[in-house]
């Protein structure tokens, strides 16, 4: 989906070095990278869940935060998933078409699943958001929330019926190897305030000496 070279590694510096060596990248974007301080950075963007906010205000494992709330005052930009404040940038996650995991060329609109109940699977940070969006599209759900980053096995998704199983693309990557014809992935697209891209590019130009 990113249409660019992607590297995965527990050590973010190693991933960055590999990309710089093999892919001739001039801009590196690190997902969930704020707390990896060994990795140098020119721009920092913090994303906040507008619905859940900061939970109990504690960092992992006592709470949901990876950084303290005070960290928001030191980043360059704050993106709010939901309604944004005066100094924040709004982001909305919109669901798109649905494609079959067993035959990825087979695609349809989400409304095609209206009618009988479907199994909804989500192993993300906030499964209820995905379920809520499916319900808003008119689907009847049998909900199956899993922990974030869950490592699925075929047994986890055996529900003893032939109802369609709809899941996020994040989950689909882990389930494709044992997918059957009734497993479907729901595509999603992030819509971010257009001002953010302009400001990020301007800052990158300045740090590179081209601004």
Protein backbone atom coordinates (compact mmCIF):
# COMPACT_ATOMS: atom_id res chain seq x y z
CA UNK A 1 0.00 0.00 0.00
CA UNK A 2 2.84 2.43 0.73
CA UNK A 3 4.29 2.05 -2.80
CA UNK A 4 7.79 2.60 -1.43
CA UNK A 5 10.55 0.46 0.14
CA UNK A 6 9.61 -0.84 3.61
CA UNK A 7 11.87 -2.36 6.26
CA UNK A 8 10.88 -4.06 9.52
CA UNK A 9 13.31 -4.53 12.42
CA UNK A 10 13.22 -4.36 16.23
CA UNK A 11 16.22 -2.03 16.00
CA UNK A 12 14.94 0.95 14.05
CA UNK A 13 18.47 2.19 13.31
CA UNK A 14 19.25 -1.09 11.54
CA UNK A 15 16.11 -0.74 9.42
CA UNK A 16 17.04 2.84 8.54
CA UNK A 17 20.60 1.87 7.59
CA UNK A 18 19.34 -0.93 5.38
CA UNK A 19 16.98 1.40 3.51
CA UNK A 20 19.68 4.02 3.03
CA UNK A 21 22.05 1.37 1.69
CA UNK A 22 19.75 -0.65 -0.54
CA UNK A 23 16.97 1.72 -1.58
CA UNK A 24 18.70 5.10 -1.94
CA UNK A 25 16.03 6.81 0.19
CA UNK A 26 16.29 10.51 0.99
CA UNK A 27 13.35 10.58 3.44
CA UNK A 28 12.68 7.91 6.09
CA UNK A 29 9.31 7.64 7.83
CA UNK A 30 9.28 5.58 11.01
CA UNK A 31 5.97 4.29 12.32
CA UNK A 32 5.75 4.35 16.14
CA UNK A 33 9.24 5.80 16.26
CA UNK A 34 9.05 8.58 18.86
CA UNK A 35 10.41 6.44 21.68
CA UNK A 36 13.30 4.97 19.64
CA UNK A 37 15.77 7.67 20.62
CA UNK A 38 18.76 5.92 19.02
CA UNK A 39 17.21 6.85 15.68
CA UNK A 40 17.96 10.47 14.74
CA UNK A 41 15.00 12.49 13.53
CA UNK A 42 14.34 15.84 11.86
CA UNK A 43 10.56 15.89 12.21
CA UNK A 44 8.41 14.38 14.96
CA UNK A 45 4.67 13.77 14.53
CA UNK A 46 2.57 12.44 17.41
CA UNK A 47 -0.79 10.81 16.68
CA UNK A 48 -3.43 10.89 19.42
CA UNK A 49 -6.63 8.85 19.58
CA UNK A 50 -9.30 11.52 19.82
CA UNK A 51 -11.88 9.13 21.28
CA UNK A 52 -9.80 7.54 24.05
CA UNK A 53 -7.38 10.45 24.55
CA UNK A 54 -4.78 9.52 27.19
CA UNK A 55 -6.57 6.85 29.23
CA UNK A 56 -5.34 6.94 32.84
CA UNK A 57 -2.37 9.13 31.85
CA UNK A 58 0.21 6.44 32.65
CA UNK A 59 2.79 4.89 30.36
CA UNK A 60 3.04 1.20 29.53
CA UNK A 61 2.54 -1.22 31.25
CA UNK A 62 0.51 0.74 33.85
CA UNK A 63 -1.42 2.64 31.17
CA UNK A 64 -1.84 2.98 27.39
CA UNK A 65 0.79 5.63 26.70
CA UNK A 66 4.17 5.03 25.08
CA UNK A 67 5.35 8.51 26.01
CA UNK A 68 4.34 10.96 28.73
CA UNK A 69 1.69 13.56 27.90
CA UNK A 70 4.36 16.23 28.33
CA UNK A 71 6.08 14.83 25.23
CA UNK A 72 3.41 16.48 23.07
CA UNK A 73 4.95 19.88 23.83
CA UNK A 74 8.25 18.88 22.23
CA UNK A 75 7.08 17.29 18.95
CA UNK A 76 6.71 19.26 15.74
CA UNK A 77 3.11 18.32 14.95
CA UNK A 78 0.20 16.66 16.75
CA UNK A 79 -2.35 14.74 14.67
CA UNK A 80 -5.68 14.03 16.34
CA UNK A 81 -7.60 10.98 15.14
CA UNK A 82 -10.98 12.69 15.24
CA UNK A 83 -11.86 16.32 15.93
CA UNK A 84 -8.75 18.49 16.30
CA UNK A 85 -8.02 21.49 18.45
CA UNK A 86 -6.60 24.83 17.31
CA UNK A 87 -2.97 23.66 17.18
CA UNK A 88 -3.65 20.09 16.03
CA UNK A 89 -4.26 18.46 12.64
CA UNK A 90 -7.36 16.32 12.18
CA UNK A 91 -7.23 12.81 10.74
CA UNK A 92 -10.12 10.55 9.78
CA UNK A 93 -9.83 6.86 8.91
CA UNK A 94 -12.30 5.98 6.15
CA UNK A 95 -13.20 2.43 5.15
CA UNK A 96 -13.01 1.59 1.45
CA UNK A 97 -13.61 -1.47 -0.72
CA UNK A 98 -13.38 -5.03 0.55
CA UNK A 99 -11.17 -7.66 -1.09
CA UNK A 100 -11.01 -11.41 -0.72
CA UNK A 101 -7.89 -12.83 0.97
CA UNK A 102 -8.05 -16.06 -0.99
CA UNK A 103 -8.37 -14.27 -4.34
CA UNK A 104 -7.25 -10.66 -3.93
CA UNK A 105 -8.56 -9.65 -7.37
CA UNK A 106 -12.08 -10.31 -6.10
CA UNK A 107 -13.33 -7.02 -4.71
CA UNK A 108 -16.65 -5.46 -3.74
CA UNK A 109 -18.13 -2.56 -1.81
CA UNK A 110 -18.75 -2.80 1.92
CA UNK A 111 -22.51 -2.47 1.42
CA UNK A 112 -22.48 -5.88 -0.31
CA UNK A 113 -22.30 -7.45 3.17
CA UNK A 114 -25.52 -5.90 4.44
CA UNK A 115 -28.14 -8.43 5.45
CA UNK A 116 -27.11 -11.50 7.42
CA UNK A 117 -24.59 -11.06 10.22
CA UNK A 118 -20.88 -11.33 9.43
CA UNK A 119 -17.90 -12.10 11.66
CA UNK A 120 -15.82 -8.98 12.35
CA UNK A 121 -12.20 -9.52 13.44
CA UNK A 122 -9.83 -6.85 14.74
CA UNK A 123 -6.47 -7.18 16.48
CA UNK A 124 -5.67 -3.48 16.65
CA UNK A 125 -5.26 -0.89 19.39
CA UNK A 126 -8.96 -0.05 19.51
CA UNK A 127 -11.09 -2.79 17.86
CA UNK A 128 -14.33 -1.02 18.73
CA UNK A 129 -13.54 1.76 16.26
CA UNK A 130 -13.43 -0.75 13.40
CA UNK A 131 -16.63 -2.42 14.60
CA UNK A 132 -18.36 0.94 14.93
CA UNK A 133 -17.45 1.88 11.37
CA UNK A 134 -18.79 -1.43 10.05
CA UNK A 135 -22.04 -0.95 11.93
CA UNK A 136 -22.30 2.58 10.56
CA UNK A 137 -22.11 1.06 7.05
CA UNK A 138 -25.20 -1.00 7.88
CA UNK A 139 -23.57 -4.34 8.69
CA UNK A 140 -24.74 -6.73 11.40
CA UNK A 141 -21.74 -8.01 13.32
CA UNK A 142 -20.56 -10.93 15.38
CA UNK A 143 -17.59 -9.21 17.00
CA UNK A 144 -14.23 -10.88 17.68
CA UNK A 145 -11.77 -8.44 19.28
CA UNK A 146 -8.15 -9.61 19.66
CA UNK A 147 -5.16 -7.98 21.38
CA UNK A 148 -3.12 -5.50 19.37
CA UNK A 149 -0.46 -7.18 17.17
CA UNK A 150 -2.06 -10.56 17.77
CA UNK A 151 -0.37 -13.53 16.05
CA UNK A 152 -3.29 -15.43 14.50
CA UNK A 153 -3.55 -19.14 13.83
CA UNK A 154 -6.16 -20.81 11.63
CA UNK A 155 -7.90 -22.13 14.75
CA UNK A 156 -8.52 -18.59 16.04
CA UNK A 157 -10.85 -17.86 13.13
CA UNK A 158 -12.77 -21.13 12.91
CA UNK A 159 -16.30 -20.04 13.79
CA UNK A 160 -18.17 -23.22 12.75
CA UNK A 161 -20.16 -21.55 9.99
CA UNK A 162 -19.63 -20.14 6.50
CA UNK A 163 -20.42 -16.52 7.29
CA UNK A 164 -18.04 -13.95 5.79
CA UNK A 165 -15.14 -12.98 8.04
CA UNK A 166 -14.24 -9.29 7.71
CA UNK A 167 -11.00 -7.97 9.16
CA UNK A 168 -8.66 -4.99 8.99
CA UNK A 169 -5.76 -5.00 6.54
CA UNK A 170 -3.38 -5.15 9.51
CA UNK A 171 -4.98 -8.45 10.52
CA UNK A 172 -5.20 -9.69 6.93
CA UNK A 173 -1.41 -9.67 6.52
CA UNK A 174 -1.18 -12.23 9.33
CA UNK A 175 -4.12 -14.37 8.14
CA UNK A 176 -3.46 -14.59 4.41
CA UNK A 177 -1.40 -17.78 4.67
CA UNK A 178 -4.39 -19.79 5.94
CA UNK A 179 -7.20 -17.74 4.38
CA UNK A 180 -10.29 -19.42 2.98
CA UNK A 181 -12.73 -18.07 0.41
CA UNK A 182 -14.89 -16.38 3.06
CA UNK A 183 -12.08 -14.23 4.54
CA UNK A 184 -12.24 -10.58 3.51
CA UNK A 185 -10.05 -7.52 4.23
CA UNK A 186 -11.57 -4.06 4.57
CA UNK A 187 -9.30 -1.39 3.11
CA UNK A 188 -8.90 1.87 4.99
CA UNK A 189 -7.61 5.28 4.00
CA UNK A 190 -6.32 8.01 6.33
CA UNK A 191 -7.53 11.50 5.46
CA UNK A 192 -5.27 14.09 7.08
CA UNK A 193 -5.51 17.87 7.13
CA UNK A 194 -3.80 18.90 3.89
CA UNK A 195 -1.85 21.65 5.67
CA UNK A 196 0.26 19.04 7.45
CA UNK A 197 2.00 17.73 4.31
CA UNK A 198 2.97 21.26 3.27
CA UNK A 199 4.42 22.06 6.69
CA UNK A 200 6.37 18.79 6.86
CA UNK A 201 7.89 19.38 3.42
CA UNK A 202 8.83 22.94 4.39
CA UNK A 203 10.59 21.70 7.52
CA UNK A 204 12.44 18.98 5.60
CA UNK A 205 13.67 21.59 3.13
CA UNK A 206 14.99 23.71 5.97
CA UNK A 207 16.90 20.90 7.69
CA UNK A 208 18.37 19.80 4.36
CA UNK A 209 19.49 23.30 3.50
CA UNK A 210 17.16 23.59 0.53
CA UNK A 211 14.57 25.79 2.17
